[in-house]
Amino acid sequence: MEKKKKSTFQKITMVVVWLMLIFTVGAVILGALSQFITG
């Protein structure tokens, strides 16, 4: 078990998790804004 591989894997995982969180929050905000504007 190499530390370098683990750290790299952890970095990639963190980036993917953050991207998914940002995308989800953005989608929710866009959905709420669209409903607020159209409604």
Protein backbone atom coordinates (compact mmCIF):
# COMPACT_ATOMS: atom_id res chain seq x y z
CA MET A 1 0.00 0.00 0.00
CA GLU A 2 1.66 3.21 -1.16
CA LYS A 3 0.80 6.53 0.45
CA LYS A 4 1.13 8.39 -2.87
CA LYS A 5 -1.60 6.30 -4.53
CA LYS A 6 -3.89 6.74 -1.53
CA SER A 7 -3.40 10.52 -1.40
CA THR A 8 -3.98 10.81 -5.15
CA PHE A 9 -7.10 8.63 -4.93
CA GLN A 10 -8.35 10.70 -2.00
CA LYS A 11 -7.77 13.93 -3.94
CA ILE A 12 -9.68 12.59 -6.96
CA THR A 13 -12.50 11.38 -4.70
CA MET A 14 -12.74 14.77 -2.98
CA VAL A 15 -12.86 16.56 -6.34
CA VAL A 16 -15.61 14.25 -7.62
CA VAL A 17 -17.61 14.64 -4.40
CA TRP A 18 -17.31 18.44 -4.48
CA LEU A 19 -18.30 18.55 -8.17
CA MET A 20 -21.39 16.41 -7.47
CA LEU A 21 -22.34 18.58 -4.48
CA ILE A 22 -21.95 21.80 -6.48
CA PHE A 23 -23.88 20.31 -9.42
CA THR A 24 -26.69 19.13 -7.14
CA VAL A 25 -26.95 22.47 -5.32
CA GLY A 26 -26.84 24.33 -8.64
CA ALA A 27 -29.59 22.14 -10.09
CA VAL A 28 -31.78 22.71 -7.01
CA ILE A 29 -31.23 26.47 -7.14
CA LEU A 30 -31.94 26.59 -10.89
CA GLY A 31 -35.11 24.54 -10.37
CA ALA A 32 -36.28 26.80 -7.56
CA LEU A 33 -35.50 29.94 -9.58
CA SER A 34 -37.31 28.62 -12.67
CA GLN A 35 -40.37 27.74 -10.57
CA PHE A 36 -40.24 31.14 -8.83
CA ILE A 37 -39.97 33.02 -12.15
CA THR A 38 -42.61 30.99 -14.01
CA GLY A 39 -44.86 30.70 -10.94
